[in-house]
Amino acid sequence: MSNDATFEDGREAPLNLGALDDADLQVVSSLVQDAVFPITEMTWRPDQRRFALLLNRFRWEDEDAARKRGRAFERVQSLLVVDNVLRVASQGIDRSDKDMILSLMAITFKQGEDGAGFLELTLAGDGGLRIEVEALEVSLKDVTRPYQAPSKSMPEHDA
């Protein structure tokens, strides 16, 4: 009988994950919680049916190890890509403010008929993105080496 693997057992490697169903998406959502990004790093390419965000993601998967080893918390730049996109809508975001920094709190999927549905990206404050998709296909890929979180602390939330 073997024990389950832990994060400490794993090797230090960039994430490269895909989500094709709600269970997969919950994992991706937990890993991008508290990611921050400038509004200018959102890209919607209707001709490619693709929406992408370049995020500065808090490395939740490394949080316990950082705490135990007494080292700095880290962030990493990651590319979050949504494919099969039909429409993108935003609420509570001033897209004319090119200096705006947004914080991603969660990603959920509201399934419709035949696998189609809506991805909802909840942002801190009252903002959000609603992405209509023909089918759920999301990827998350780390694209830089981890770096020390500028705040030097872990994100905190009010209860």
C-alpha atoms as a PDB file:
ATOM      1  CA  MET A   1       0.000   0.000   0.000  1.00  0.00           C
ATOM      2  CA  SER A   2       1.398   3.401  -0.906  1.00  0.00           C
ATOM      3  CA  ASN A   3       0.779   6.871   0.461  1.00  0.00           C
ATOM      4  CA  ASP A   4      -0.537   9.745  -1.595  1.00  0.00           C
ATOM      5  CA  ALA A   5       2.063  12.078  -3.077  1.00  0.00           C
ATOM      6  CA  THR A   6       2.588  15.482  -1.530  1.00  0.00           C
ATOM      7  CA  PHE A   7       3.801  18.749  -3.047  1.00  0.00           C
ATOM      8  CA  GLU A   8       7.122  18.181  -1.271  1.00  0.00           C
ATOM      9  CA  ASP A   9       7.547  14.935  -3.243  1.00  0.00           C
ATOM     10  CA  GLY A  10       7.187  16.702  -6.565  1.00  0.00           C
ATOM     11  CA  ARG A  11       9.877  18.372  -8.569  1.00  0.00           C
ATOM     12  CA  GLU A  12      10.028  22.106  -9.085  1.00  0.00           C
ATOM     13  CA  ALA A  13       8.577  22.578 -12.566  1.00  0.00           C
ATOM     14  CA  PRO A  14       6.372  25.099 -14.348  1.00  0.00           C
ATOM     15  CA  LEU A  15       2.668  24.337 -14.460  1.00  0.00           C
ATOM     16  CA  ASN A  16       1.125  23.332 -17.771  1.00  0.00           C
ATOM     17  CA  LEU A  17      -2.475  22.277 -17.164  1.00  0.00           C
ATOM     18  CA  GLY A  18      -5.640  21.891 -19.178  1.00  0.00           C
ATOM     19  CA  ALA A  19      -9.293  21.925 -18.150  1.00  0.00           C
ATOM     20  CA  LEU A  20     -11.960  20.169 -20.198  1.00  0.00           C
ATOM     21  CA  ASP A  21     -14.566  19.681 -17.465  1.00  0.00           C
ATOM     22  CA  ASP A  22     -15.734  21.334 -14.261  1.00  0.00           C
ATOM     23  CA  ALA A  23     -13.476  19.248 -11.981  1.00  0.00           C
ATOM     24  CA  ASP A  24     -10.405  20.282 -14.010  1.00  0.00           C
ATOM     25  CA  LEU A  25     -11.552  23.905 -13.990  1.00  0.00           C
ATOM     26  CA  GLN A  26     -11.824  23.911 -10.186  1.00  0.00           C
ATOM     27  CA  VAL A  27      -8.124  23.005  -9.993  1.00  0.00           C
ATOM     28  CA  VAL A  28      -7.177  25.774 -12.425  1.00  0.00           C
ATOM     29  CA  SER A  29      -9.389  28.240 -10.544  1.00  0.00           C
ATOM     30  CA  SER A  30      -7.690  27.435  -7.228  1.00  0.00           C
ATOM     31  CA  LEU A  31      -4.264  28.002  -8.791  1.00  0.00           C
ATOM     32  CA  VAL A  32      -5.159  31.401 -10.302  1.00  0.00           C
ATOM     33  CA  GLN A  33      -6.915  32.750  -7.206  1.00  0.00           C
ATOM     34  CA  ASP A  34      -5.391  36.145  -6.343  1.00  0.00           C
ATOM     35  CA  ALA A  35      -3.572  36.438  -9.667  1.00  0.00           C
ATOM     36  CA  VAL A  36      -3.108  40.061 -10.680  1.00  0.00           C
ATOM     37  CA  PHE A  37      -2.813  41.496 -14.161  1.00  0.00           C
ATOM     38  CA  PRO A  38      -2.883  44.852 -15.933  1.00  0.00           C
ATOM     39  CA  ILE A  39      -6.023  45.401 -17.974  1.00  0.00           C
ATOM     40  CA  THR A  40      -3.748  45.704 -21.009  1.00  0.00           C
ATOM     41  CA  GLU A  41      -2.839  41.984 -20.672  1.00  0.00           C
ATOM     42  CA  MET A  42      -6.327  40.784 -21.686  1.00  0.00           C
ATOM     43  CA  THR A  43      -6.585  39.705 -25.324  1.00  0.00           C
ATOM     44  CA  TRP A  44      -9.714  38.612 -27.222  1.00  0.00           C
ATOM     45  CA  ARG A  45      -9.056  37.284 -30.729  1.00  0.00           C
ATOM     46  CA  PRO A  46     -12.437  36.598 -32.346  1.00  0.00           C
ATOM     47  CA  ASP A  47     -10.861  35.269 -35.556  1.00  0.00           C
ATOM     48  CA  GLN A  48      -9.044  32.582 -33.515  1.00  0.00           C
ATOM     49  CA  ARG A  49     -11.939  32.148 -31.056  1.00  0.00           C
ATOM     50  CA  ARG A  50      -9.419  32.623 -28.240  1.00  0.00           C
ATOM     51  CA  PHE A  51      -9.275  34.754 -25.099  1.00  0.00           C
ATOM     52  CA  ALA A  52      -6.026  35.049 -23.144  1.00  0.00           C
ATOM     53  CA  LEU A  53      -4.738  36.662 -19.956  1.00  0.00           C
ATOM     54  CA  LEU A  54      -1.120  37.108 -18.925  1.00  0.00           C
ATOM     55  CA  LEU A  55      -1.337  36.757 -15.131  1.00  0.00           C
ATOM     56  CA  ASN A  56       1.039  37.276 -12.231  1.00  0.00           C
ATOM     57  CA  ARG A  57      -0.065  34.189 -10.346  1.00  0.00           C
ATOM     58  CA  PHE A  58       0.554  33.566  -6.641  1.00  0.00           C
ATOM     59  CA  ARG A  59       2.154  30.126  -6.352  1.00  0.00           C
ATOM     60  CA  TRP A  60      -0.414  28.484  -4.058  1.00  0.00           C
ATOM     61  CA  GLU A  61       1.138  25.091  -4.790  1.00  0.00           C
ATOM     62  CA  ASP A  62       4.356  26.318  -3.107  1.00  0.00           C
ATOM     63  CA  GLU A  63       2.788  28.117  -0.128  1.00  0.00           C
ATOM     64  CA  ASP A  64       3.317  25.339   2.472  1.00  0.00           C
ATOM     65  CA  ALA A  65       6.894  24.675   1.383  1.00  0.00           C
ATOM     66  CA  ALA A  66       7.757  28.388   1.480  1.00  0.00           C
ATOM     67  CA  ARG A  67       6.290  28.716   4.969  1.00  0.00           C
ATOM     68  CA  LYS A  68       8.045  25.571   6.295  1.00  0.00           C
ATOM     69  CA  ARG A  69      11.402  26.528   4.812  1.00  0.00           C
ATOM     70  CA  GLY A  70      11.123  30.171   5.842  1.00  0.00           C
ATOM     71  CA  ARG A  71      11.602  31.491   2.340  1.00  0.00           C
ATOM     72  CA  ALA A  72       9.767  34.179   0.412  1.00  0.00           C
ATOM     73  CA  PHE A  73       6.368  33.593  -1.139  1.00  0.00           C
ATOM     74  CA  GLU A  74       6.484  33.548  -4.922  1.00  0.00           C
ATOM     75  CA  ARG A  75       4.553  34.608  -7.964  1.00  0.00           C
ATOM     76  CA  VAL A  76       5.033  33.492 -11.559  1.00  0.00           C
ATOM     77  CA  GLN A  77       3.766  34.852 -14.854  1.00  0.00           C
ATOM     78  CA  SER A  78       1.267  32.456 -16.375  1.00  0.00           C
ATOM     79  CA  LEU A  79      -0.795  32.413 -19.519  1.00  0.00           C
ATOM     80  CA  LEU A  80      -4.469  31.563 -19.042  1.00  0.00           C
ATOM     81  CA  VAL A  81      -6.062  30.711 -22.395  1.00  0.00           C
ATOM     82  CA  VAL A  82      -9.714  30.000 -23.183  1.00  0.00           C
ATOM     83  CA  ASP A  83     -10.467  28.387 -26.559  1.00  0.00           C
ATOM     84  CA  ASN A  84     -13.745  27.903 -28.470  1.00  0.00           C
ATOM     85  CA  VAL A  85     -14.814  31.430 -27.489  1.00  0.00           C
ATOM     86  CA  LEU A  86     -17.938  32.876 -29.090  1.00  0.00           C
ATOM     87  CA  ARG A  87     -18.326  36.150 -27.119  1.00  0.00           C
ATOM     88  CA  VAL A  88     -16.670  38.073 -24.294  1.00  0.00           C
ATOM     89  CA  ALA A  89     -18.427  40.575 -22.037  1.00  0.00           C
ATOM     90  CA  SER A  90     -17.190  42.531 -19.043  1.00  0.00           C
ATOM     91  CA  GLN A  91     -18.880  44.226 -16.123  1.00  0.00           C
ATOM     92  CA  GLY A  92     -17.477  46.741 -13.642  1.00  0.00           C
ATOM     93  CA  ILE A  93     -14.257  47.249 -15.615  1.00  0.00           C
ATOM     94  CA  ASP A  94     -13.217  50.611 -17.035  1.00  0.00           C
ATOM     95  CA  ARG A  95     -11.402  49.392 -20.139  1.00  0.00           C
ATOM     96  CA  SER A  96     -10.304  52.951 -20.979  1.00  0.00           C
ATOM     97  CA  ASP A  97      -8.149  53.033 -17.800  1.00  0.00           C
ATOM     98  CA  LYS A  98      -4.948  51.492 -19.187  1.00  0.00           C
ATOM     99  CA  ASP A  99      -3.269  51.648 -15.732  1.00  0.00           C
ATOM    100  CA  MET A 100      -5.922  49.488 -14.037  1.00  0.00           C
ATOM    101  CA  ILE A 101      -4.666  46.362 -12.256  1.00  0.00           C
ATOM    102  CA  LEU A 102      -7.219  43.583 -11.841  1.00  0.00           C
ATOM    103  CA  SER A 103      -7.229  40.672  -9.408  1.00  0.00           C
ATOM    104  CA  LEU A 104      -8.753  37.338 -10.378  1.00  0.00           C
ATOM    105  CA  MET A 105     -10.632  35.577  -7.583  1.00  0.00           C
ATOM    106  CA  ALA A 106     -12.291  32.569  -9.256  1.00  0.00           C
ATOM    107  CA  ILE A 107     -13.295  30.910 -12.509  1.00  0.00           C
ATOM    108  CA  THR A 108     -16.580  29.016 -12.784  1.00  0.00           C
ATOM    109  CA  PHE A 109     -18.430  27.336 -15.639  1.00  0.00           C
ATOM    110  CA  LYS A 110     -22.176  27.506 -16.219  1.00  0.00           C
ATOM    111  CA  GLN A 111     -22.938  24.677 -18.635  1.00  0.00           C
ATOM    112  CA  GLY A 112     -25.667  25.034 -21.227  1.00  0.00           C
ATOM    113  CA  GLU A 113     -26.719  22.603 -23.927  1.00  0.00           C
ATOM    114  CA  ASP A 114     -24.339  20.245 -25.747  1.00  0.00           C
ATOM    115  CA  GLY A 115     -21.274  21.253 -23.722  1.00  0.00           C
ATOM    116  CA  ALA A 116     -21.565  24.952 -24.515  1.00  0.00           C
ATOM    117  CA  GLY A 117     -21.850  27.483 -21.739  1.00  0.00           C
ATOM    118  CA  PHE A 118     -20.342  30.473 -19.978  1.00  0.00           C
ATOM    119  CA  LEU A 119     -17.061  30.866 -18.124  1.00  0.00           C
ATOM    120  CA  GLU A 120     -17.332  33.479 -15.417  1.00  0.00           C
ATOM    121  CA  LEU A 121     -14.129  35.120 -14.188  1.00  0.00           C
ATOM    122  CA  THR A 122     -14.858  36.845 -10.887  1.00  0.00           C
ATOM    123  CA  LEU A 123     -12.590  39.803 -10.154  1.00  0.00           C
ATOM    124  CA  ALA A 124     -11.929  41.522  -6.835  1.00  0.00           C
ATOM    125  CA  GLY A 125     -14.423  44.308  -6.267  1.00  0.00           C
ATOM    126  CA  ASP A 126     -17.497  44.228  -8.460  1.00  0.00           C
ATOM    127  CA  GLY A 127     -15.852  43.343 -11.774  1.00  0.00           C
ATOM    128  CA  GLY A 128     -16.159  40.258 -13.865  1.00  0.00           C
ATOM    129  CA  LEU A 129     -15.780  38.706 -17.277  1.00  0.00           C
ATOM    130  CA  ARG A 130     -18.289  36.419 -18.944  1.00  0.00           C
ATOM    131  CA  ILE A 131     -16.930  34.292 -21.754  1.00  0.00           C
ATOM    132  CA  GLU A 132     -19.383  32.361 -23.910  1.00  0.00           C
ATOM    133  CA  VAL A 133     -17.815  29.136 -25.180  1.00  0.00           C
ATOM    134  CA  GLU A 134     -18.869  26.432 -27.590  1.00  0.00           C
ATOM    135  CA  ALA A 135     -17.059  23.887 -25.402  1.00  0.00           C
ATOM    136  CA  LEU A 136     -14.978  24.121 -22.225  1.00  0.00           C
ATOM    137  CA  GLU A 137     -11.266  24.241 -23.053  1.00  0.00           C
ATOM    138  CA  VAL A 138      -8.980  26.206 -20.734  1.00  0.00           C
ATOM    139  CA  SER A 139      -5.218  26.021 -20.316  1.00  0.00           C
ATOM    140  CA  LEU A 140      -2.852  27.445 -17.717  1.00  0.00           C
ATOM    141  CA  LYS A 141       0.861  27.558 -18.438  1.00  0.00           C
ATOM    142  CA  ASP A 142       3.660  29.163 -16.431  1.00  0.00           C
ATOM    143  CA  VAL A 143       5.806  31.198 -18.824  1.00  0.00           C
ATOM    144  CA  THR A 144       8.497  32.651 -16.532  1.00  0.00           C
ATOM    145  CA  ARG A 145      10.578  31.487 -13.595  1.00  0.00           C
ATOM    146  CA  PRO A 146       9.018  32.158 -10.178  1.00  0.00           C
ATOM    147  CA  TYR A 147       9.969  35.454  -8.539  1.00  0.00           C
ATOM    148  CA  GLN A 148       9.621  36.783  -5.014  1.00  0.00           C
ATOM    149  CA  ALA A 149       6.153  38.220  -4.451  1.00  0.00           C
ATOM    150  CA  PRO A 150       6.556  42.032  -4.314  1.00  0.00           C
ATOM    151  CA  SER A 151       4.371  42.176  -1.184  1.00  0.00           C
ATOM    152  CA  LYS A 152       6.533  39.436   0.399  1.00  0.00           C
ATOM    153  CA  SER A 153       3.338  38.054   1.871  1.00  0.00           C
ATOM    154  CA  MET A 154       0.528  35.661   1.108  1.00  0.00           C
ATOM    155  CA  PRO A 155      -2.774  37.151  -0.154  1.00  0.00           C
ATOM    156  CA  GLU A 156      -5.393  37.517   2.570  1.00  0.00           C
ATOM    157  CA  HIS A 157      -9.161  37.729   2.329  1.00  0.00           C
ATOM    158  CA  ASP A 158     -11.784  39.216   4.613  1.00  0.00           C
ATOM    159  CA  ALA A 159     -14.196  36.624   5.984  1.00  0.00           C
END
